[in-house]
N, C-alpha and C. Protein backbone atom coordinates (compact mmCIF):
# COMPACT_ATOMS: atom_id res chain seq x y z
N MET A 1 0.84 -1.17 0.00
CA MET A 1 0.00 0.00 0.00
C MET A 1 0.88 1.23 0.00
N GLY A 2 0.59 2.16 -0.87
CA GLY A 2 1.41 3.34 -0.95
C GLY A 2 0.91 4.46 -0.06
N ALA A 3 1.76 5.41 0.16
CA ALA A 3 1.40 6.56 0.98
C ALA A 3 0.82 7.69 0.15
N PHE A 4 0.72 7.50 -1.16
CA PHE A 4 0.21 8.53 -2.04
C PHE A 4 -0.97 7.98 -2.84
N LYS A 5 -1.87 8.86 -3.23
CA LYS A 5 -2.95 8.45 -4.11
C LYS A 5 -3.18 9.55 -5.13
N ILE A 6 -3.68 9.14 -6.29
CA ILE A 6 -3.96 10.11 -7.35
C ILE A 6 -5.28 10.78 -7.02
N LEU A 7 -5.29 12.09 -7.10
CA LEU A 7 -6.53 12.83 -6.89
C LEU A 7 -7.47 12.55 -8.05
N SER A 8 -8.71 12.33 -7.77
CA SER A 8 -9.65 12.03 -8.85
C SER A 8 -9.78 13.24 -9.76
N GLY A 9 -9.54 13.01 -11.03
CA GLY A 9 -9.65 14.06 -12.02
C GLY A 9 -8.57 15.12 -11.95
N GLY A 10 -7.63 14.95 -11.07
CA GLY A 10 -6.60 15.97 -10.91
C GLY A 10 -5.42 15.75 -11.83
N SER A 11 -4.95 16.81 -12.43
CA SER A 11 -3.72 16.74 -13.20
C SER A 11 -3.19 18.15 -13.36
N SER A 12 -1.90 18.21 -13.60
CA SER A 12 -1.30 19.52 -13.81
C SER A 12 -1.58 19.98 -15.23
N SER A 13 -1.17 21.17 -15.56
CA SER A 13 -1.38 21.68 -16.91
C SER A 13 -0.55 20.91 -17.93
N TYR A 14 0.38 20.06 -17.45
CA TYR A 14 1.21 19.26 -18.34
C TYR A 14 0.67 17.84 -18.49
N GLY A 15 -0.51 17.55 -17.93
CA GLY A 15 -1.10 16.23 -18.04
C GLY A 15 -0.53 15.22 -17.05
N VAL A 16 0.25 15.69 -16.08
CA VAL A 16 0.83 14.81 -15.08
C VAL A 16 -0.16 14.70 -13.91
N PRO A 17 -0.46 13.47 -13.43
CA PRO A 17 -1.40 13.34 -12.32
C PRO A 17 -0.94 14.11 -11.08
N THR A 18 -1.89 14.66 -10.35
CA THR A 18 -1.62 15.35 -9.10
C THR A 18 -1.77 14.36 -7.95
N TYR A 19 -0.86 14.41 -6.99
CA TYR A 19 -0.88 13.47 -5.88
C TYR A 19 -1.11 14.21 -4.57
N GLU A 20 -1.70 13.50 -3.63
CA GLU A 20 -1.80 14.02 -2.26
C GLU A 20 -1.34 12.91 -1.33
N ILE A 21 -0.86 13.28 -0.17
CA ILE A 21 -0.41 12.30 0.81
C ILE A 21 -1.62 11.76 1.55
N ASP A 22 -1.73 10.45 1.63
CA ASP A 22 -2.80 9.79 2.38
C ASP A 22 -2.32 9.69 3.82
N LEU A 23 -2.86 10.51 4.71
CA LEU A 23 -2.38 10.58 6.09
C LEU A 23 -2.73 9.34 6.91
N ARG A 24 -3.54 8.46 6.38
CA ARG A 24 -3.83 7.22 7.10
C ARG A 24 -2.73 6.20 6.87
N GLN A 25 -1.96 6.36 5.81
CA GLN A 25 -0.93 5.39 5.45
C GLN A 25 0.43 5.83 5.97
N PRO A 26 1.12 4.96 6.71
CA PRO A 26 2.44 5.32 7.24
C PRO A 26 3.49 5.39 6.13
N ASN A 27 4.40 6.33 6.28
CA ASN A 27 5.54 6.45 5.37
C ASN A 27 6.62 5.50 5.90
N PRO A 28 6.94 4.41 5.18
CA PRO A 28 7.89 3.42 5.68
C PRO A 28 9.31 3.94 5.87
N ASP A 29 9.62 5.11 5.31
CA ASP A 29 10.95 5.70 5.46
C ASP A 29 11.04 6.67 6.63
N ASN A 30 9.92 6.94 7.28
CA ASN A 30 9.88 7.92 8.37
C ASN A 30 9.20 7.28 9.58
N PHE A 31 10.01 6.68 10.44
CA PHE A 31 9.45 6.02 11.62
C PHE A 31 10.40 6.16 12.80
N GLU A 32 9.83 6.00 13.98
CA GLU A 32 10.59 6.08 15.23
C GLU A 32 10.28 4.83 16.05
N VAL A 33 11.31 4.16 16.53
CA VAL A 33 11.14 2.98 17.37
C VAL A 33 10.94 3.47 18.81
N LEU A 34 9.75 3.28 19.34
CA LEU A 34 9.45 3.70 20.71
C LEU A 34 9.86 2.64 21.72
N ARG A 35 9.74 1.39 21.31
CA ARG A 35 10.07 0.28 22.21
C ARG A 35 10.34 -0.95 21.36
N GLU A 36 11.35 -1.72 21.76
CA GLU A 36 11.61 -2.99 21.07
C GLU A 36 12.23 -3.97 22.05
N LYS A 37 11.88 -5.22 21.89
CA LYS A 37 12.43 -6.25 22.75
C LYS A 37 12.45 -7.56 21.98
N GLN A 38 13.55 -8.27 22.11
CA GLN A 38 13.68 -9.55 21.42
C GLN A 38 13.13 -10.67 22.30
N TYR A 39 12.36 -11.53 21.69
CA TYR A 39 11.86 -12.76 22.32
C TYR A 39 12.28 -13.91 21.42
N GLY A 40 13.37 -14.56 21.77
CA GLY A 40 13.88 -15.65 20.94
C GLY A 40 14.25 -15.15 19.56
N SER A 41 13.57 -15.67 18.54
CA SER A 41 13.92 -15.34 17.16
C SER A 41 13.10 -14.18 16.59
N VAL A 42 12.24 -13.55 17.39
CA VAL A 42 11.41 -12.46 16.87
C VAL A 42 11.55 -11.20 17.74
N TRP A 43 11.11 -10.09 17.17
CA TRP A 43 11.16 -8.79 17.85
C TRP A 43 9.76 -8.24 18.04
N PHE A 44 9.45 -7.85 19.27
CA PHE A 44 8.24 -7.10 19.59
C PHE A 44 8.62 -5.63 19.54
N SER A 45 7.81 -4.79 18.90
CA SER A 45 8.14 -3.37 18.87
C SER A 45 6.89 -2.51 18.80
N ILE A 46 7.06 -1.30 19.30
CA ILE A 46 6.05 -0.25 19.13
C ILE A 46 6.73 0.82 18.29
N ILE A 47 6.15 1.08 17.14
CA ILE A 47 6.71 2.00 16.16
C ILE A 47 5.76 3.17 16.00
N ARG A 48 6.32 4.37 15.84
CA ARG A 48 5.50 5.55 15.56
C ARG A 48 5.87 6.10 14.20
N TYR A 49 4.85 6.31 13.38
CA TYR A 49 5.00 6.92 12.06
C TYR A 49 4.44 8.34 12.17
N PRO A 50 5.31 9.37 12.20
CA PRO A 50 4.86 10.75 12.43
C PRO A 50 3.80 11.26 11.45
N ASN A 51 3.81 10.77 10.21
CA ASN A 51 2.85 11.27 9.22
C ASN A 51 1.49 10.59 9.31
N CYS A 52 1.37 9.54 10.07
CA CYS A 52 0.15 8.73 10.12
C CYS A 52 -0.78 9.24 11.23
N THR A 53 -2.07 9.31 10.95
CA THR A 53 -3.02 9.83 11.93
C THR A 53 -3.74 8.75 12.72
N ASN A 54 -3.88 7.55 12.19
CA ASN A 54 -4.56 6.47 12.91
C ASN A 54 -3.77 6.06 14.14
N TYR A 55 -4.45 5.99 15.28
CA TYR A 55 -3.81 5.61 16.55
C TYR A 55 -2.56 6.44 16.83
N GLU A 56 -2.61 7.71 16.50
CA GLU A 56 -1.48 8.64 16.70
C GLU A 56 -0.22 8.14 16.00
N GLY A 57 -0.40 7.38 14.94
CA GLY A 57 0.73 6.88 14.16
C GLY A 57 1.43 5.68 14.76
N LYS A 58 0.91 5.13 15.84
CA LYS A 58 1.59 4.01 16.51
C LYS A 58 1.15 2.66 15.94
N LYS A 59 2.11 1.76 15.84
CA LYS A 59 1.87 0.39 15.38
C LYS A 59 2.59 -0.57 16.31
N VAL A 60 1.96 -1.68 16.62
CA VAL A 60 2.59 -2.75 17.40
C VAL A 60 2.90 -3.86 16.41
N LEU A 61 4.19 -4.15 16.25
CA LEU A 61 4.63 -5.11 15.24
C LEU A 61 5.44 -6.24 15.85
N ILE A 62 5.33 -7.41 15.25
CA ILE A 62 6.21 -8.54 15.54
C ILE A 62 6.96 -8.78 14.24
N THR A 63 8.29 -8.69 14.31
CA THR A 63 9.12 -8.79 13.11
C THR A 63 10.23 -9.82 13.28
N LYS A 64 10.81 -10.20 12.15
CA LYS A 64 11.96 -11.11 12.15
C LYS A 64 13.27 -10.37 12.37
N ILE A 65 13.29 -9.09 12.00
CA ILE A 65 14.51 -8.27 12.06
C ILE A 65 14.31 -7.16 13.08
N ARG A 66 15.36 -6.80 13.79
CA ARG A 66 15.29 -5.72 14.79
C ARG A 66 14.94 -4.40 14.10
N PRO A 67 13.82 -3.79 14.47
CA PRO A 67 13.38 -2.57 13.79
C PRO A 67 14.38 -1.42 13.82
N SER A 68 15.11 -1.25 14.92
CA SER A 68 16.04 -0.11 15.00
C SER A 68 17.22 -0.26 14.03
N TYR A 69 17.42 -1.43 13.46
CA TYR A 69 18.47 -1.64 12.47
C TYR A 69 17.98 -1.38 11.04
N MET A 70 16.70 -1.16 10.88
CA MET A 70 16.13 -1.02 9.54
C MET A 70 16.07 0.44 9.10
N LYS A 71 16.32 0.68 7.82
CA LYS A 71 16.22 2.02 7.26
C LYS A 71 14.81 2.31 6.79
N THR A 72 14.09 1.27 6.43
CA THR A 72 12.70 1.39 6.01
C THR A 72 11.90 0.28 6.67
N LEU A 73 10.68 0.60 7.08
CA LEU A 73 9.85 -0.38 7.76
C LEU A 73 8.39 -0.14 7.39
N ASP A 74 7.92 -0.94 6.44
CA ASP A 74 6.53 -0.88 6.02
C ASP A 74 5.73 -1.80 6.94
N PRO A 75 4.75 -1.28 7.69
CA PRO A 75 4.03 -2.11 8.64
C PRO A 75 3.00 -3.05 8.01
N HIS A 76 2.91 -3.05 6.69
CA HIS A 76 1.96 -3.92 6.01
C HIS A 76 2.62 -5.26 5.68
N PHE A 77 1.81 -6.29 5.65
CA PHE A 77 2.31 -7.61 5.26
C PHE A 77 2.68 -7.57 3.78
N ASN A 78 3.86 -8.11 3.45
CA ASN A 78 4.30 -8.12 2.06
C ASN A 78 5.15 -9.35 1.76
N GLU A 79 5.70 -9.39 0.58
CA GLU A 79 6.43 -10.56 0.09
C GLU A 79 7.66 -10.91 0.92
N ASP A 80 8.33 -9.94 1.53
CA ASP A 80 9.57 -10.25 2.25
C ASP A 80 9.33 -11.02 3.54
N GLY A 81 8.12 -11.00 4.06
CA GLY A 81 7.77 -11.79 5.24
C GLY A 81 8.38 -11.30 6.54
N ASN A 82 8.93 -10.09 6.56
CA ASN A 82 9.54 -9.58 7.79
C ASN A 82 8.49 -9.31 8.88
N ILE A 83 7.32 -8.83 8.49
CA ILE A 83 6.25 -8.59 9.45
C ILE A 83 5.54 -9.92 9.70
N ILE A 84 5.59 -10.37 10.94
CA ILE A 84 4.96 -11.64 11.30
C ILE A 84 3.53 -11.39 11.80
N ALA A 85 3.34 -10.32 12.56
CA ALA A 85 2.02 -10.00 13.10
C ALA A 85 1.94 -8.52 13.44
N ARG A 86 0.69 -8.02 13.48
CA ARG A 86 0.40 -6.64 13.90
C ARG A 86 -0.71 -6.67 14.91
N PHE A 87 -0.64 -5.74 15.85
CA PHE A 87 -1.67 -5.63 16.88
C PHE A 87 -2.05 -4.16 17.04
N ARG A 88 -3.25 -3.92 17.51
CA ARG A 88 -3.67 -2.53 17.78
C ARG A 88 -2.80 -1.95 18.89
N PRO A 89 -2.45 -0.68 18.79
CA PRO A 89 -1.60 -0.05 19.81
C PRO A 89 -2.41 0.40 21.03
N THR A 90 -3.11 -0.55 21.62
CA THR A 90 -3.86 -0.32 22.85
C THR A 90 -3.20 -1.15 23.94
N GLU A 91 -3.60 -0.96 25.19
CA GLU A 91 -3.02 -1.77 26.27
C GLU A 91 -3.23 -3.25 25.99
N GLU A 92 -4.43 -3.61 25.57
CA GLU A 92 -4.72 -5.01 25.27
C GLU A 92 -3.88 -5.50 24.09
N GLY A 93 -3.78 -4.69 23.05
CA GLY A 93 -2.99 -5.07 21.88
C GLY A 93 -1.52 -5.25 22.21
N ILE A 94 -0.99 -4.41 23.08
CA ILE A 94 0.42 -4.52 23.49
C ILE A 94 0.62 -5.82 24.27
N ARG A 95 -0.29 -6.11 25.20
CA ARG A 95 -0.19 -7.38 25.95
C ARG A 95 -0.28 -8.58 25.01
N ASP A 96 -1.23 -8.53 24.07
CA ASP A 96 -1.37 -9.63 23.11
C ASP A 96 -0.12 -9.76 22.25
N GLY A 97 0.46 -8.64 21.85
CA GLY A 97 1.68 -8.67 21.04
C GLY A 97 2.85 -9.29 21.78
N ILE A 98 3.01 -8.93 23.04
CA ILE A 98 4.09 -9.51 23.85
C ILE A 98 3.87 -11.01 24.03
N ASP A 99 2.63 -11.40 24.35
CA ASP A 99 2.33 -12.83 24.51
C ASP A 99 2.60 -13.60 23.22
N PHE A 100 2.20 -13.03 22.08
CA PHE A 100 2.44 -13.68 20.79
C PHE A 100 3.93 -13.80 20.51
N ALA A 101 4.68 -12.72 20.76
CA ALA A 101 6.13 -12.74 20.51
C ALA A 101 6.81 -13.79 21.36
N LYS A 102 6.41 -13.90 22.62
CA LYS A 102 6.99 -14.93 23.50
C LYS A 102 6.71 -16.32 22.95
N MET A 103 5.47 -16.56 22.53
CA MET A 103 5.10 -17.86 21.98
C MET A 103 5.81 -18.15 20.66
N LYS A 104 5.82 -17.18 19.77
CA LYS A 104 6.42 -17.36 18.44
C LYS A 104 7.93 -17.46 18.51
N GLY A 105 8.54 -16.77 19.46
CA GLY A 105 10.00 -16.74 19.56
C GLY A 105 10.63 -17.97 20.18
N GLU A 106 9.81 -18.85 20.74
CA GLU A 106 10.35 -20.06 21.39
C GLU A 106 11.00 -20.99 20.39
């Protein structure tokens, strides 16, 4: 999923589509690791995407690679398989994420 979308019917005077930033979609190149902890072979993390408005830009992720070592981190499931699971960034979601990471990391 991209962070940009084409405006309906929008184009410049040169026929080039006009784009706007979709604030619901996180920019995978702009993120901050708020918390991370390794459980066996997986990483539990809370990531904040400053441009994202949903849940104040926070995501709870279970990944194969340590997030603070990554230059880009797309929180969506994709072909590389780095994202193992996602949880809502609520107290319950954080507890569920930690429990899942402990179970998956064994």
